[in-house]
Each structure stands twice: as structure tokens, then as C-alpha cells.
C-alpha atoms as a PDB file:
ATOM      1  CA  UNK A   1      22.850  -7.351  -2.887  1.00  0.00           C
ATOM      2  CA  UNK A   2      20.931  -7.599   0.403  1.00  0.00           C
ATOM      3  CA  UNK A   3      22.500  -8.638   3.690  1.00  0.00           C
ATOM      4  CA  UNK A   4      20.829 -12.056   3.551  1.00  0.00           C
ATOM      5  CA  UNK A   5      22.046 -12.595  -0.018  1.00  0.00           C
ATOM      6  CA  UNK A   6      25.618 -11.712   0.988  1.00  0.00           C
ATOM      7  CA  UNK A   7      25.431 -14.013   4.001  1.00  0.00           C
ATOM      8  CA  UNK A   8      24.002 -16.872   1.949  1.00  0.00           C
ATOM      9  CA  UNK A   9      26.681 -16.398  -0.734  1.00  0.00           C
ATOM     10  CA  UNK A  10      29.332 -17.088   1.912  1.00  0.00           C
ATOM     11  CA  UNK A  11      27.432 -19.880   3.681  1.00  0.00           C
ATOM     12  CA  UNK A  12      26.196 -17.869   6.677  1.00  0.00           C
ATOM     13  CA  UNK A  13      22.895 -16.850   8.215  1.00  0.00           C
ATOM     14  CA  UNK A  14      22.032 -14.543  11.091  1.00  0.00           C
ATOM     15  CA  UNK A  15      21.132 -15.963  14.489  1.00  0.00           C
ATOM     16  CA  UNK A  16      18.246 -14.510  16.463  1.00  0.00           C
ATOM     17  CA  UNK A  17      19.367 -11.612  18.652  1.00  0.00           C
ATOM     18  CA  UNK A  18      20.022 -12.194  22.313  1.00  0.00           C
ATOM     19  CA  UNK A  19      18.777  -9.853  25.001  1.00  0.00           C
ATOM     20  CA  UNK A  20      21.082  -7.967  27.367  1.00  0.00           C
ATOM     21  CA  UNK A  21      22.197  -9.831  30.463  1.00  0.00           C
ATOM     22  CA  UNK A  22      22.074  -6.674  32.581  1.00  0.00           C
ATOM     23  CA  UNK A  23      20.970  -3.046  32.747  1.00  0.00           C
ATOM     24  CA  UNK A  24      22.170  -1.836  29.351  1.00  0.00           C
ATOM     25  CA  UNK A  25      21.167  -1.611  25.688  1.00  0.00           C
ATOM     26  CA  UNK A  26      22.495  -4.009  23.037  1.00  0.00           C
ATOM     27  CA  UNK A  27      22.875  -1.106  20.605  1.00  0.00           C
ATOM     28  CA  UNK A  28      23.483   2.431  21.829  1.00  0.00           C
ATOM     29  CA  UNK A  29      23.536   5.282  19.308  1.00  0.00           C
ATOM     30  CA  UNK A  30      25.271   8.591  20.002  1.00  0.00           C
ATOM     31  CA  UNK A  31      25.295  10.974  17.054  1.00  0.00           C
ATOM     32  CA  UNK A  32      26.153   8.867  14.035  1.00  0.00           C
ATOM     33  CA  UNK A  33      28.096   6.224  16.003  1.00  0.00           C
ATOM     34  CA  UNK A  34      26.481   2.924  16.994  1.00  0.00           C
ATOM     35  CA  UNK A  35      28.080   1.073  19.899  1.00  0.00           C
ATOM     36  CA  UNK A  36      27.338  -2.646  20.010  1.00  0.00           C
ATOM     37  CA  UNK A  37      27.463  -4.240  23.467  1.00  0.00           C
ATOM     38  CA  UNK A  38      29.555  -7.359  23.918  1.00  0.00           C
ATOM     39  CA  UNK A  39      28.294 -10.278  21.882  1.00  0.00           C
ATOM     40  CA  UNK A  40      29.154 -13.842  22.763  1.00  0.00           C
ATOM     41  CA  UNK A  41      29.032 -17.080  20.766  1.00  0.00           C
ATOM     42  CA  UNK A  42      25.313 -17.620  21.298  1.00  0.00           C
ATOM     43  CA  UNK A  43      23.290 -19.177  18.496  1.00  0.00           C
ATOM     44  CA  UNK A  44      19.517 -18.833  18.814  1.00  0.00           C
ATOM     45  CA  UNK A  45      19.766 -18.714  22.632  1.00  0.00           C
ATOM     46  CA  UNK A  46      22.139 -21.711  22.817  1.00  0.00           C
ATOM     47  CA  UNK A  47      25.537 -21.062  24.437  1.00  0.00           C
ATOM     48  CA  UNK A  48      28.411 -22.277  22.236  1.00  0.00           C
ATOM     49  CA  UNK A  49      32.198 -22.555  22.578  1.00  0.00           C
ATOM     50  CA  UNK A  50      32.423 -22.428  26.346  1.00  0.00           C
ATOM     51  CA  UNK A  51      35.759 -22.983  28.053  1.00  0.00           C
ATOM     52  CA  UNK A  52      39.336 -21.836  27.646  1.00  0.00           C
ATOM     53  CA  UNK A  53      41.040 -21.556  24.283  1.00  0.00           C
ATOM     54  CA  UNK A  54      43.886 -24.039  24.117  1.00  0.00           C
ATOM     55  CA  UNK A  55      42.169 -26.336  26.633  1.00  0.00           C
ATOM     56  CA  UNK A  56      38.438 -27.076  26.161  1.00  0.00           C
ATOM     57  CA  UNK A  57      38.173 -25.013  22.940  1.00  0.00           C
ATOM     58  CA  UNK A  58      40.605 -25.443  20.038  1.00  0.00           C
ATOM     59  CA  UNK A  59      42.060 -22.545  18.077  1.00  0.00           C
ATOM     60  CA  UNK A  60      39.951 -23.524  15.051  1.00  0.00           C
ATOM     61  CA  UNK A  61      36.826 -23.593  17.218  1.00  0.00           C
ATOM     62  CA  UNK A  62      37.841 -20.177  18.560  1.00  0.00           C
ATOM     63  CA  UNK A  63      37.872 -18.830  14.999  1.00  0.00           C
ATOM     64  CA  UNK A  64      34.327 -20.170  14.518  1.00  0.00           C
ATOM     65  CA  UNK A  65      33.293 -18.717  17.892  1.00  0.00           C
ATOM     66  CA  UNK A  66      34.437 -15.274  16.742  1.00  0.00           C
ATOM     67  CA  UNK A  67      32.463 -15.717  13.521  1.00  0.00           C
ATOM     68  CA  UNK A  68      29.363 -16.352  15.634  1.00  0.00           C
ATOM     69  CA  UNK A  69      30.094 -13.236  17.699  1.00  0.00           C
ATOM     70  CA  UNK A  70      30.415 -11.183  14.489  1.00  0.00           C
ATOM     71  CA  UNK A  71      27.145 -12.637  13.161  1.00  0.00           C
ATOM     72  CA  UNK A  72      25.507 -11.607  16.438  1.00  0.00           C
ATOM     73  CA  UNK A  73      26.880  -8.071  15.981  1.00  0.00           C
ATOM     74  CA  UNK A  74      25.352  -7.952  12.480  1.00  0.00           C
ATOM     75  CA  UNK A  75      22.068  -9.368  13.793  1.00  0.00           C
ATOM     76  CA  UNK A  76      21.908  -6.603  16.411  1.00  0.00           C
ATOM     77  CA  UNK A  77      22.640  -3.942  13.787  1.00  0.00           C
ATOM     78  CA  UNK A  78      20.102  -5.367  11.343  1.00  0.00           C
ATOM     79  CA  UNK A  79      17.347  -5.576  13.973  1.00  0.00           C
ATOM     80  CA  UNK A  80      17.932  -2.205  15.653  1.00  0.00           C
ATOM     81  CA  UNK A  81      19.215  -0.001  12.797  1.00  0.00           C
ATOM     82  CA  UNK A  82      19.421  -1.800   9.473  1.00  0.00           C
ATOM     83  CA  UNK A  83      22.730  -2.937   7.977  1.00  0.00           C
ATOM     84  CA  UNK A  84      21.990  -0.802   4.902  1.00  0.00           C
ATOM     85  CA  UNK A  85      22.619   2.274   7.106  1.00  0.00           C
ATOM     86  CA  UNK A  86      26.227   1.293   7.867  1.00  0.00           C
ATOM     87  CA  UNK A  87      28.778   3.759   6.558  1.00  0.00           C
ATOM     88  CA  UNK A  88      31.611   1.739   8.064  1.00  0.00           C
ATOM     89  CA  UNK A  89      32.809  -0.485  10.873  1.00  0.00           C
ATOM     90  CA  UNK A  90      35.200   1.597  12.953  1.00  0.00           C
ATOM     91  CA  UNK A  91      36.720  -0.676  15.576  1.00  0.00           C
ATOM     92  CA  UNK A  92      36.275  -4.006  17.323  1.00  0.00           C
ATOM     93  CA  UNK A  93      37.401  -5.078  20.783  1.00  0.00           C
ATOM     94  CA  UNK A  94      37.872  -8.829  21.093  1.00  0.00           C
ATOM     95  CA  UNK A  95      38.086 -10.637  24.420  1.00  0.00           C
ATOM     96  CA  UNK A  96      39.221 -14.182  25.075  1.00  0.00           C
ATOM     97  CA  UNK A  97      39.964 -16.557  27.932  1.00  0.00           C
ATOM     98  CA  UNK A  98      42.650 -19.163  27.374  1.00  0.00           C
ATOM     99  CA  UNK A  99      44.948 -21.692  28.933  1.00  0.00           C
ATOM    100  CA  UNK A 100      48.230 -20.312  30.220  1.00  0.00           C
ATOM    101  CA  UNK A 101      50.468 -21.135  27.247  1.00  0.00           C
ATOM    102  CA  UNK A 102      48.001 -20.611  24.396  1.00  0.00           C
ATOM    103  CA  UNK A 103      48.967 -17.690  22.131  1.00  0.00           C
ATOM    104  CA  UNK A 104      46.953 -17.699  18.884  1.00  0.00           C
ATOM    105  CA  UNK A 105      44.576 -14.827  19.603  1.00  0.00           C
ATOM    106  CA  UNK A 106      45.250 -12.915  16.342  1.00  0.00           C
ATOM    107  CA  UNK A 107      44.156 -15.957  14.312  1.00  0.00           C
ATOM    108  CA  UNK A 108      41.034 -16.460  16.430  1.00  0.00           C
ATOM    109  CA  UNK A 109      40.015 -12.793  16.134  1.00  0.00           C
ATOM    110  CA  UNK A 110      40.430 -13.074  12.364  1.00  0.00           C
ATOM    111  CA  UNK A 111      37.200 -15.086  12.559  1.00  0.00           C
ATOM    112  CA  UNK A 112      35.373 -11.804  13.193  1.00  0.00           C
ATOM    113  CA  UNK A 113      37.589  -9.599  11.004  1.00  0.00           C
ATOM    114  CA  UNK A 114      37.339 -11.944   8.011  1.00  0.00           C
ATOM    115  CA  UNK A 115      33.563 -12.221   8.328  1.00  0.00           C
ATOM    116  CA  UNK A 116      33.074  -8.441   8.491  1.00  0.00           C
ATOM    117  CA  UNK A 117      35.139  -7.846   5.354  1.00  0.00           C
ATOM    118  CA  UNK A 118      33.479 -10.741   3.470  1.00  0.00           C
ATOM    119  CA  UNK A 119      29.995  -9.468   4.230  1.00  0.00           C
ATOM    120  CA  UNK A 120      30.497  -5.690   4.342  1.00  0.00           C
ATOM    121  CA  UNK A 121      33.372  -5.305   1.864  1.00  0.00           C
ATOM    122  CA  UNK A 122      35.317  -2.054   2.360  1.00  0.00           C
ATOM    123  CA  UNK A 123      32.720  -0.919   4.899  1.00  0.00           C
ATOM    124  CA  UNK A 124      33.887  -3.833   7.065  1.00  0.00           C
ATOM    125  CA  UNK A 125      37.532  -2.724   7.281  1.00  0.00           C
ATOM    126  CA  UNK A 126      38.387  -1.778  10.860  1.00  0.00           C
ATOM    127  CA  UNK A 127      40.971  -1.390  13.586  1.00  0.00           C
ATOM    128  CA  UNK A 128      40.928  -3.793  16.509  1.00  0.00           C
ATOM    129  CA  UNK A 129      42.232  -4.541  19.965  1.00  0.00           C
ATOM    130  CA  UNK A 130      42.563  -7.987  21.550  1.00  0.00           C
ATOM    131  CA  UNK A 131      42.324  -8.583  25.297  1.00  0.00           C
ATOM    132  CA  UNK A 132      43.106 -11.763  27.178  1.00  0.00           C
ATOM    133  CA  UNK A 133      41.006 -11.890  30.333  1.00  0.00           C
ATOM    134  CA  UNK A 134      40.890 -14.264  33.265  1.00  0.00           C
ATOM    135  CA  UNK A 135      37.152 -15.009  32.992  1.00  0.00           C
ATOM    136  CA  UNK A 136      34.270 -14.212  30.654  1.00  0.00           C
ATOM    137  CA  UNK A 137      30.589 -14.503  31.625  1.00  0.00           C
ATOM    138  CA  UNK A 138      29.032 -17.979  31.331  1.00  0.00           C
ATOM    139  CA  UNK A 139      32.520 -19.359  30.634  1.00  0.00           C
ATOM    140  CA  UNK A 140      32.416 -18.153  27.009  1.00  0.00           C
ATOM    141  CA  UNK A 141      35.762 -18.528  25.248  1.00  0.00           C
ATOM    142  CA  UNK A 142      35.408 -15.211  23.386  1.00  0.00           C
ATOM    143  CA  UNK A 143      33.412 -11.991  23.236  1.00  0.00           C
ATOM    144  CA  UNK A 144      33.249  -9.065  20.811  1.00  0.00           C
ATOM    145  CA  UNK A 145      32.211  -5.396  20.883  1.00  0.00           C
ATOM    146  CA  UNK A 146      32.038  -3.093  17.853  1.00  0.00           C
ATOM    147  CA  UNK A 147      31.460   0.511  16.841  1.00  0.00           C
ATOM    148  CA  UNK A 148      29.977   1.583  13.514  1.00  0.00           C
ATOM    149  CA  UNK A 149      29.453   4.906  11.797  1.00  0.00           C
ATOM    150  CA  UNK A 150      25.889   4.976  10.515  1.00  0.00           C
ATOM    151  CA  UNK A 151      23.817   7.142   8.201  1.00  0.00           C
ATOM    152  CA  UNK A 152      21.009   8.652  10.244  1.00  0.00           C
ATOM    153  CA  UNK A 153      18.816   9.672   7.315  1.00  0.00           C
END
């Protein structure tokens, strides 16, 4: 099954890829590891889910925001490498900004984790770290980085 068929089966599609907001590459390959720069909830160049989780953005919206970040990761991989070359997703780092008493980050980050395993199956299993930060660029509620092992043949 192709990537687009898997996405469609689960009710998803890939957004267009965004360009870096600074002096870096969206996908950097070293050996057989692909490092994906932070992806935000941007859909076809439209900023989504801006604000603090638990204040302007609900926990459920945060889950959806992480899904969008994960779709952006897959879009970057597909455009720059080809998802068919993925051997496995190694690790994700998830970032969020929230109101002071909000504490549902594991559920929100499941938005990305669940999407990766739905679309990539066992290749989407990964470790992860979650970081609460004071401020994210453009007031995004969440952001996501990822590393993949890829087949270079």
C-alpha cells in the first residue's frame, strides 16, 4: 500500500511542505539517519493552533495540532527522501507551550505517536521526549522533531 493509500484509509492527507524559517535544512541526512527539523501545525502555509494549551487551545485541539505536525514530518520525508525508504522512526521530541496548570502533554503528544504507528505500522514505533517551553515561534502551541533510519540504496 502506498503512503497516500495509507493516509486516505485513515482519513488523512499530506499538507504541502513548509520552508525553513532560518538558516537550516528541513531534512538533514547523516549516514543512514535523517533528522527532521522542527515542524509546526502549519497546513498549506496557514498557521494553525496558535496559543497556549489549556488556555486558547484545548487539549483535544492540541492532539490534532500534533497530528498536523506529524503529517508535516511525513510530508518532508516524502518530498526529500521518499517514505518508502524508511527503515524506522527512531525518536521524536515534542515541544509545547501551555497555561500554568495544564498537564495533559502525554495525551497531546499521542496525536503524533498514534499517527506514526497508524501510517507506518511497526516502522512508526519510537521513543519520545516531551518538553514544556515558555514560548514557541509564531505562538504555535506545539512543535515536533523526528529522526528516522533510512535505506540509502
